[in-house]
Amino acid sequence: MSKKRGNNEGSVYKRKDGPGWRGAYTIQTIKGPKRRYVSGKTRAEAAAKLAKAMSDGEDGLVFDAGKLTLGEYLERWPTGSVKNSVREVTFESYERLVRKHITPALGSNKLKALTALHLRDFYQQKLAEGLSSRTVRYLHAVLHKALKQAADDGLIPRNAAASAKPPQLRQVEMSPLSPTQAKAFLEAAQGDRLEALYVLAITAGLKQGELLGLKWEDVELESGSLQVRRTLSNGT
């Protein structure tokens, strides 16, 4: 058998199963090395195709996610690519959004077959389910970050989220309680085990996550002050 070795384990040899020549080379996939082949009627044609394929691989243009689904990719993505690059609360938020919303809706799609249309339909579905535009935009941000990593790793040719615009942010006008309503509410809450929380909610101007994240050690009763040291996500 005539064989010509090349870089990156590339080789050209005469086919045994018919006329012509074949070139073979190795690419790296998420599941490890994988052998790829090109064919040509002549040795020169096969060698040229092999050189092009290997050059594309060196330039990051070989994309092989195989049968990997989006759900399988996202199962390892937060820990493998995000955990040490963001705050712990952000990491937990990514994991929660992936587990609760993204994987159930899109996880069965092949990673390499995911399109912007899939994502736009997903955004509309979530809005129809009652999620706020802010939360849907956050889902888009998570998908964009994950798919960018997949593209950077050579698993897919492009980031589908880059061309799937999220919904416009809708500003919801707040309707705060009037002084009379606030007084009536606090009177009704007297004796409730969460009375202190309700008082803070009305008087301290804290966000919901800040209120829910408070502990007794954050409160200085003598000075009448408190410190916000953490925030609790609401599980959206």
C-alpha atoms as a PDB file:
ATOM      1  CA  MET A   1       0.000   0.000   0.000  1.00  0.00           C
ATOM      2  CA  SER A   2       1.339   3.396  -0.972  1.00  0.00           C
ATOM      3  CA  LYS A   3       1.049   5.883   1.843  1.00  0.00           C
ATOM      4  CA  LYS A   4       2.199   9.452   2.381  1.00  0.00           C
ATOM      5  CA  ARG A   5       2.316  10.775   5.918  1.00  0.00           C
ATOM      6  CA  GLY A   6       1.464  14.366   6.663  1.00  0.00           C
ATOM      7  CA  ASN A   7       1.056  16.678   9.621  1.00  0.00           C
ATOM      8  CA  ASN A   8      -1.596  16.045  12.289  1.00  0.00           C
ATOM      9  CA  GLU A   9      -1.650  12.322  11.473  1.00  0.00           C
ATOM     10  CA  GLY A  10      -2.811  12.884   7.885  1.00  0.00           C
ATOM     11  CA  SER A  11      -2.165  10.251   5.241  1.00  0.00           C
ATOM     12  CA  VAL A  12      -2.997   9.499   1.584  1.00  0.00           C
ATOM     13  CA  TYR A  13      -3.395   5.940   0.319  1.00  0.00           C
ATOM     14  CA  LYS A  14      -4.925   3.965  -2.542  1.00  0.00           C
ATOM     15  CA  ARG A  15      -8.394   2.675  -1.805  1.00  0.00           C
ATOM     16  CA  LYS A  16      -8.849  -1.079  -1.363  1.00  0.00           C
ATOM     17  CA  ASP A  17     -12.620  -1.021  -1.872  1.00  0.00           C
ATOM     18  CA  GLY A  18     -12.577   0.539  -5.337  1.00  0.00           C
ATOM     19  CA  PRO A  19     -10.783   2.918  -7.650  1.00  0.00           C
ATOM     20  CA  GLY A  20      -9.283   6.188  -6.478  1.00  0.00           C
ATOM     21  CA  TRP A  21      -7.410   7.478  -3.461  1.00  0.00           C
ATOM     22  CA  ARG A  22      -8.341   8.376   0.082  1.00  0.00           C
ATOM     23  CA  GLY A  23      -6.939  10.876   2.559  1.00  0.00           C
ATOM     24  CA  ALA A  24      -7.325  10.375   6.307  1.00  0.00           C
ATOM     25  CA  TYR A  25      -6.827  12.800   9.174  1.00  0.00           C
ATOM     26  CA  THR A  26      -7.762  13.174  12.839  1.00  0.00           C
ATOM     27  CA  ILE A  27      -9.864  15.868  14.500  1.00  0.00           C
ATOM     28  CA  GLN A  28     -10.597  16.452  18.155  1.00  0.00           C
ATOM     29  CA  THR A  29     -14.228  16.256  19.293  1.00  0.00           C
ATOM     30  CA  ILE A  30     -15.830  16.623  22.694  1.00  0.00           C
ATOM     31  CA  LYS A  31     -15.710  12.826  23.002  1.00  0.00           C
ATOM     32  CA  GLY A  32     -12.066  12.547  21.952  1.00  0.00           C
ATOM     33  CA  PRO A  33     -10.132  12.052  18.679  1.00  0.00           C
ATOM     34  CA  LYS A  34     -12.150  11.108  15.591  1.00  0.00           C
ATOM     35  CA  ARG A  35     -10.900   9.944  12.192  1.00  0.00           C
ATOM     36  CA  ARG A  36     -12.149  11.796   9.087  1.00  0.00           C
ATOM     37  CA  TYR A  37     -11.706  10.944   5.395  1.00  0.00           C
ATOM     38  CA  VAL A  38     -11.624  12.647   1.998  1.00  0.00           C
ATOM     39  CA  SER A  39     -11.544  10.976  -1.434  1.00  0.00           C
ATOM     40  CA  GLY A  40     -10.152  11.770  -4.880  1.00  0.00           C
ATOM     41  CA  LYS A  41      -9.880  10.132  -8.263  1.00  0.00           C
ATOM     42  CA  THR A  42      -6.117  10.704  -8.233  1.00  0.00           C
ATOM     43  CA  ARG A  43      -3.524  10.826  -5.513  1.00  0.00           C
ATOM     44  CA  ALA A  44      -2.958  14.510  -6.169  1.00  0.00           C
ATOM     45  CA  GLU A  45      -6.686  15.288  -5.813  1.00  0.00           C
ATOM     46  CA  ALA A  46      -6.959  13.338  -2.551  1.00  0.00           C
ATOM     47  CA  ALA A  47      -3.798  15.004  -1.232  1.00  0.00           C
ATOM     48  CA  ALA A  48      -5.153  18.474  -2.088  1.00  0.00           C
ATOM     49  CA  LYS A  49      -8.455  17.766  -0.309  1.00  0.00           C
ATOM     50  CA  LEU A  50      -6.588  16.403   2.680  1.00  0.00           C
ATOM     51  CA  ALA A  51      -4.368  19.492   2.882  1.00  0.00           C
ATOM     52  CA  LYS A  52      -7.449  21.748   2.725  1.00  0.00           C
ATOM     53  CA  ALA A  53      -9.282  19.771   5.420  1.00  0.00           C
ATOM     54  CA  MET A  54      -6.280  19.796   7.731  1.00  0.00           C
ATOM     55  CA  SER A  55      -5.689  23.501   7.132  1.00  0.00           C
ATOM     56  CA  ASP A  56      -9.303  24.246   8.013  1.00  0.00           C
ATOM     57  CA  GLY A  57      -8.846  22.244  11.195  1.00  0.00           C
ATOM     58  CA  GLU A  58      -5.775  24.234  12.181  1.00  0.00           C
ATOM     59  CA  ASP A  59      -7.734  27.446  11.535  1.00  0.00           C
ATOM     60  CA  GLY A  60     -10.567  26.286  13.780  1.00  0.00           C
ATOM     61  CA  LEU A  61     -12.961  25.597  10.896  1.00  0.00           C
ATOM     62  CA  VAL A  62     -13.655  21.934  11.619  1.00  0.00           C
ATOM     63  CA  PHE A  63     -16.948  21.524  13.434  1.00  0.00           C
ATOM     64  CA  ASP A  64     -17.959  18.193  14.866  1.00  0.00           C
ATOM     65  CA  ALA A  65     -20.481  17.973  17.664  1.00  0.00           C
ATOM     66  CA  GLY A  66     -21.467  14.494  16.467  1.00  0.00           C
ATOM     67  CA  LYS A  67     -24.730  13.405  18.059  1.00  0.00           C
ATOM     68  CA  LEU A  68     -24.257  15.716  21.036  1.00  0.00           C
ATOM     69  CA  THR A  69     -27.505  17.398  22.070  1.00  0.00           C
ATOM     70  CA  LEU A  70     -27.819  20.886  23.502  1.00  0.00           C
ATOM     71  CA  GLY A  71     -28.963  19.344  26.781  1.00  0.00           C
ATOM     72  CA  GLU A  72     -25.878  17.130  26.986  1.00  0.00           C
ATOM     73  CA  TYR A  73     -23.618  20.068  26.227  1.00  0.00           C
ATOM     74  CA  LEU A  74     -25.306  22.332  28.782  1.00  0.00           C
ATOM     75  CA  GLU A  75     -25.099  19.626  31.423  1.00  0.00           C
ATOM     76  CA  ARG A  76     -21.330  20.072  31.598  1.00  0.00           C
ATOM     77  CA  TRP A  77     -20.999  23.667  30.369  1.00  0.00           C
ATOM     78  CA  PRO A  78     -21.671  25.603  33.620  1.00  0.00           C
ATOM     79  CA  THR A  79     -19.116  23.663  35.650  1.00  0.00           C
ATOM     80  CA  GLY A  80     -16.596  23.242  32.831  1.00  0.00           C
ATOM     81  CA  SER A  81     -16.623  26.773  31.422  1.00  0.00           C
ATOM     82  CA  VAL A  82     -18.378  29.175  33.799  1.00  0.00           C
ATOM     83  CA  LYS A  83     -17.881  28.194  37.438  1.00  0.00           C
ATOM     84  CA  ASN A  84     -14.610  29.995  38.122  1.00  0.00           C
ATOM     85  CA  SER A  85     -15.233  32.995  35.872  1.00  0.00           C
ATOM     86  CA  VAL A  86     -18.362  34.491  37.493  1.00  0.00           C
ATOM     87  CA  ARG A  87     -19.702  35.108  40.981  1.00  0.00           C
ATOM     88  CA  GLU A  88     -21.238  32.118  42.756  1.00  0.00           C
ATOM     89  CA  VAL A  89     -24.711  33.654  42.652  1.00  0.00           C
ATOM     90  CA  THR A  90     -24.373  34.144  38.881  1.00  0.00           C
ATOM     91  CA  PHE A  91     -23.183  30.565  38.426  1.00  0.00           C
ATOM     92  CA  GLU A  92     -26.169  29.269  40.403  1.00  0.00           C
ATOM     93  CA  SER A  93     -28.486  31.432  38.308  1.00  0.00           C
ATOM     94  CA  TYR A  94     -27.037  29.976  35.080  1.00  0.00           C
ATOM     95  CA  GLU A  95     -27.497  26.424  36.362  1.00  0.00           C
ATOM     96  CA  ARG A  96     -31.071  27.133  37.437  1.00  0.00           C
ATOM     97  CA  LEU A  97     -32.103  28.742  34.156  1.00  0.00           C
ATOM     98  CA  VAL A  98     -30.557  25.903  32.169  1.00  0.00           C
ATOM     99  CA  ARG A  99     -32.221  23.224  34.307  1.00  0.00           C
ATOM    100  CA  LYS A 100     -35.641  24.857  34.630  1.00  0.00           C
ATOM    101  CA  HIS A 101     -36.172  26.487  31.243  1.00  0.00           C
ATOM    102  CA  ILE A 102     -33.586  25.844  28.533  1.00  0.00           C
ATOM    103  CA  THR A 103     -32.996  22.096  28.752  1.00  0.00           C
ATOM    104  CA  PRO A 104     -36.688  21.094  29.022  1.00  0.00           C
ATOM    105  CA  ALA A 105     -37.566  23.171  25.945  1.00  0.00           C
ATOM    106  CA  LEU A 106     -34.470  22.863  23.734  1.00  0.00           C
ATOM    107  CA  GLY A 107     -32.314  20.121  25.231  1.00  0.00           C
ATOM    108  CA  SER A 108     -33.295  17.381  22.770  1.00  0.00           C
ATOM    109  CA  ASN A 109     -32.071  19.403  19.765  1.00  0.00           C
ATOM    110  CA  LYS A 110     -28.725  18.405  18.284  1.00  0.00           C
ATOM    111  CA  LEU A 111     -26.187  21.077  19.202  1.00  0.00           C
ATOM    112  CA  LYS A 112     -24.970  21.399  15.607  1.00  0.00           C
ATOM    113  CA  ALA A 113     -28.559  21.661  14.275  1.00  0.00           C
ATOM    114  CA  LEU A 114     -29.726  24.451  16.593  1.00  0.00           C
ATOM    115  CA  THR A 115     -30.854  27.535  14.670  1.00  0.00           C
ATOM    116  CA  ALA A 116     -31.870  31.100  15.418  1.00  0.00           C
ATOM    117  CA  LEU A 117     -35.463  30.095  14.601  1.00  0.00           C
ATOM    118  CA  HIS A 118     -35.411  27.527  17.412  1.00  0.00           C
ATOM    119  CA  LEU A 119     -34.302  30.248  19.817  1.00  0.00           C
ATOM    120  CA  ARG A 120     -36.840  32.846  18.662  1.00  0.00           C
ATOM    121  CA  ASP A 121     -39.650  30.311  19.067  1.00  0.00           C
ATOM    122  CA  PHE A 122     -38.295  29.490  22.524  1.00  0.00           C
ATOM    123  CA  TYR A 123     -38.333  33.157  23.552  1.00  0.00           C
ATOM    124  CA  GLN A 124     -41.933  33.566  22.380  1.00  0.00           C
ATOM    125  CA  GLN A 125     -42.946  30.394  24.197  1.00  0.00           C
ATOM    126  CA  LYS A 126     -41.484  31.671  27.449  1.00  0.00           C
ATOM    127  CA  LEU A 127     -43.187  35.040  27.100  1.00  0.00           C
ATOM    128  CA  ALA A 128     -46.483  33.229  26.489  1.00  0.00           C
ATOM    129  CA  GLU A 129     -45.908  31.212  29.678  1.00  0.00           C
ATOM    130  CA  GLY A 130     -45.762  34.462  31.620  1.00  0.00           C
ATOM    131  CA  LEU A 131     -42.025  35.065  32.023  1.00  0.00           C
ATOM    132  CA  SER A 132     -41.025  38.712  31.993  1.00  0.00           C
ATOM    133  CA  SER A 133     -39.092  40.135  29.062  1.00  0.00           C
ATOM    134  CA  ARG A 134     -36.177  40.707  31.464  1.00  0.00           C
ATOM    135  CA  THR A 135     -36.035  36.997  32.353  1.00  0.00           C
ATOM    136  CA  VAL A 136     -36.285  35.957  28.693  1.00  0.00           C
ATOM    137  CA  ARG A 137     -33.436  38.312  27.838  1.00  0.00           C
ATOM    138  CA  TYR A 138     -31.422  36.647  30.601  1.00  0.00           C
ATOM    139  CA  LEU A 139     -32.178  33.240  29.053  1.00  0.00           C
ATOM    140  CA  HIS A 140     -30.885  34.636  25.760  1.00  0.00           C
ATOM    141  CA  ALA A 141     -27.707  35.852  27.455  1.00  0.00           C
ATOM    142  CA  VAL A 142     -27.066  32.392  28.938  1.00  0.00           C
ATOM    143  CA  LEU A 143     -27.626  30.697  25.574  1.00  0.00           C
ATOM    144  CA  HIS A 144     -25.422  33.229  23.800  1.00  0.00           C
ATOM    145  CA  LYS A 145     -22.579  32.627  26.263  1.00  0.00           C
ATOM    146  CA  ALA A 146     -22.896  28.832  26.070  1.00  0.00           C
ATOM    147  CA  LEU A 147     -23.107  28.683  22.267  1.00  0.00           C
ATOM    148  CA  LYS A 148     -20.216  31.117  21.891  1.00  0.00           C
ATOM    149  CA  GLN A 149     -18.114  28.715  23.935  1.00  0.00           C
ATOM    150  CA  ALA A 150     -19.213  25.813  21.717  1.00  0.00           C
ATOM    151  CA  ALA A 151     -18.245  27.809  18.618  1.00  0.00           C
ATOM    152  CA  ASP A 152     -14.906  28.835  20.144  1.00  0.00           C
ATOM    153  CA  ASP A 153     -14.227  25.154  20.888  1.00  0.00           C
ATOM    154  CA  GLY A 154     -14.884  24.238  17.259  1.00  0.00           C
ATOM    155  CA  LEU A 155     -17.996  22.172  17.981  1.00  0.00           C
ATOM    156  CA  ILE A 156     -20.326  24.310  15.845  1.00  0.00           C
ATOM    157  CA  PRO A 157     -19.682  26.707  12.952  1.00  0.00           C
ATOM    158  CA  ARG A 158     -21.585  29.660  14.393  1.00  0.00           C
ATOM    159  CA  ASN A 159     -23.424  30.928  17.434  1.00  0.00           C
ATOM    160  CA  ALA A 160     -27.151  30.698  16.646  1.00  0.00           C
ATOM    161  CA  ALA A 161     -27.949  33.137  19.465  1.00  0.00           C
ATOM    162  CA  ALA A 162     -25.933  35.861  17.733  1.00  0.00           C
ATOM    163  CA  SER A 163     -28.689  36.264  15.116  1.00  0.00           C
ATOM    164  CA  ALA A 164     -31.669  35.519  17.391  1.00  0.00           C
ATOM    165  CA  LYS A 165     -32.698  38.836  18.893  1.00  0.00           C
ATOM    166  CA  PRO A 166     -34.269  38.635  22.356  1.00  0.00           C
ATOM    167  CA  PRO A 167     -37.527  40.499  23.076  1.00  0.00           C
ATOM    168  CA  GLN A 168     -37.453  44.184  23.850  1.00  0.00           C
ATOM    169  CA  LEU A 169     -37.342  45.013  27.523  1.00  0.00           C
ATOM    170  CA  ARG A 170     -40.815  45.999  28.661  1.00  0.00           C
ATOM    171  CA  GLN A 171     -40.918  48.537  31.442  1.00  0.00           C
ATOM    172  CA  VAL A 172     -43.710  47.739  33.884  1.00  0.00           C
ATOM    173  CA  GLU A 173     -44.990  50.843  35.649  1.00  0.00           C
ATOM    174  CA  MET A 174     -44.867  50.445  39.402  1.00  0.00           C
ATOM    175  CA  SER A 175     -47.930  51.158  41.501  1.00  0.00           C
ATOM    176  CA  PRO A 176     -46.664  51.676  45.070  1.00  0.00           C
ATOM    177  CA  LEU A 177     -49.015  51.638  48.008  1.00  0.00           C
ATOM    178  CA  SER A 178     -50.317  54.966  49.146  1.00  0.00           C
ATOM    179  CA  PRO A 179     -49.508  56.035  52.736  1.00  0.00           C
ATOM    180  CA  THR A 180     -53.047  55.061  53.755  1.00  0.00           C
ATOM    181  CA  GLN A 181     -52.748  51.640  52.099  1.00  0.00           C
ATOM    182  CA  ALA A 182     -49.311  51.017  53.622  1.00  0.00           C
ATOM    183  CA  LYS A 183     -50.595  51.893  57.111  1.00  0.00           C
ATOM    184  CA  ALA A 184     -53.588  49.560  56.677  1.00  0.00           C
ATOM    185  CA  PHE A 185     -51.335  46.753  55.450  1.00  0.00           C
ATOM    186  CA  LEU A 186     -48.946  47.028  58.399  1.00  0.00           C
ATOM    187  CA  GLU A 187     -51.824  47.117  60.864  1.00  0.00           C
ATOM    188  CA  ALA A 188     -53.224  43.939  59.294  1.00  0.00           C
ATOM    189  CA  ALA A 189     -49.780  42.279  59.451  1.00  0.00           C
ATOM    190  CA  GLN A 190     -49.301  42.866  63.202  1.00  0.00           C
ATOM    191  CA  GLY A 191     -48.510  39.590  64.917  1.00  0.00           C
ATOM    192  CA  ASP A 192     -47.674  37.776  61.689  1.00  0.00           C
ATOM    193  CA  ARG A 193     -44.399  35.839  61.817  1.00  0.00           C
ATOM    194  CA  LEU A 194     -43.177  37.879  58.824  1.00  0.00           C
ATOM    195  CA  GLU A 195     -44.236  41.235  60.231  1.00  0.00           C
ATOM    196  CA  ALA A 196     -40.619  42.484  60.454  1.00  0.00           C
ATOM    197  CA  LEU A 197     -40.070  41.587  56.796  1.00  0.00           C
ATOM    198  CA  TYR A 198     -43.191  43.480  55.742  1.00  0.00           C
ATOM    199  CA  VAL A 199     -42.114  46.560  57.712  1.00  0.00           C
ATOM    200  CA  LEU A 200     -38.698  46.507  56.016  1.00  0.00           C
ATOM    201  CA  ALA A 201     -40.252  45.961  52.600  1.00  0.00           C
ATOM    202  CA  ILE A 202     -42.302  49.124  52.953  1.00  0.00           C
ATOM    203  CA  THR A 203     -39.854  51.349  54.818  1.00  0.00           C
ATOM    204  CA  ALA A 204     -36.308  50.360  53.802  1.00  0.00           C
ATOM    205  CA  GLY A 205     -36.528  50.478  50.008  1.00  0.00           C
ATOM    206  CA  LEU A 206     -34.767  47.118  49.585  1.00  0.00           C
ATOM    207  CA  LYS A 207     -35.171  44.800  46.616  1.00  0.00           C
ATOM    208  CA  GLN A 208     -36.936  41.480  47.098  1.00  0.00           C
ATOM    209  CA  GLY A 209     -33.716  39.457  46.844  1.00  0.00           C
ATOM    210  CA  GLU A 210     -32.024  41.718  49.394  1.00  0.00           C
ATOM    211  CA  LEU A 211     -34.936  41.378  51.812  1.00  0.00           C
ATOM    212  CA  LEU A 212     -35.050  37.587  51.502  1.00  0.00           C
ATOM    213  CA  GLY A 213     -31.294  37.346  51.965  1.00  0.00           C
ATOM    214  CA  LEU A 214     -31.255  39.131  55.340  1.00  0.00           C
ATOM    215  CA  LYS A 215     -30.255  37.331  58.526  1.00  0.00           C
ATOM    216  CA  TRP A 216     -30.572  38.469  62.119  1.00  0.00           C
ATOM    217  CA  GLU A 217     -26.817  39.073  62.343  1.00  0.00           C
ATOM    218  CA  ASP A 218     -27.242  41.746  59.648  1.00  0.00           C
ATOM    219  CA  VAL A 219     -29.377  43.825  62.037  1.00  0.00           C
ATOM    220  CA  GLU A 220     -28.024  46.198  64.708  1.00  0.00           C
ATOM    221  CA  LEU A 221     -30.997  46.714  67.013  1.00  0.00           C
ATOM    222  CA  GLU A 222     -29.232  49.215  69.263  1.00  0.00           C
ATOM    223  CA  SER A 223     -28.320  51.565  66.422  1.00  0.00           C
ATOM    224  CA  GLY A 224     -31.415  50.773  64.396  1.00  0.00           C
ATOM    225  CA  SER A 225     -29.399  49.848  61.306  1.00  0.00           C
ATOM    226  CA  LEU A 226     -28.859  46.863  59.054  1.00  0.00           C
ATOM    227  CA  GLN A 227     -26.361  45.808  56.395  1.00  0.00           C
ATOM    228  CA  VAL A 228     -27.209  44.084  53.125  1.00  0.00           C
ATOM    229  CA  ARG A 229     -24.512  41.409  52.725  1.00  0.00           C
ATOM    230  CA  ARG A 230     -26.182  39.043  50.274  1.00  0.00           C
ATOM    231  CA  THR A 231     -29.101  38.711  47.875  1.00  0.00           C
ATOM    232  CA  LEU A 232     -31.328  35.694  47.350  1.00  0.00           C
ATOM    233  CA  SER A 233     -32.443  34.668  43.873  1.00  0.00           C
ATOM    234  CA  ASN A 234     -36.119  33.979  43.426  1.00  0.00           C
ATOM    235  CA  GLY A 235     -35.678  30.733  41.441  1.00  0.00           C
ATOM    236  CA  THR A 236     -36.970  32.120  38.115  1.00  0.00           C
END
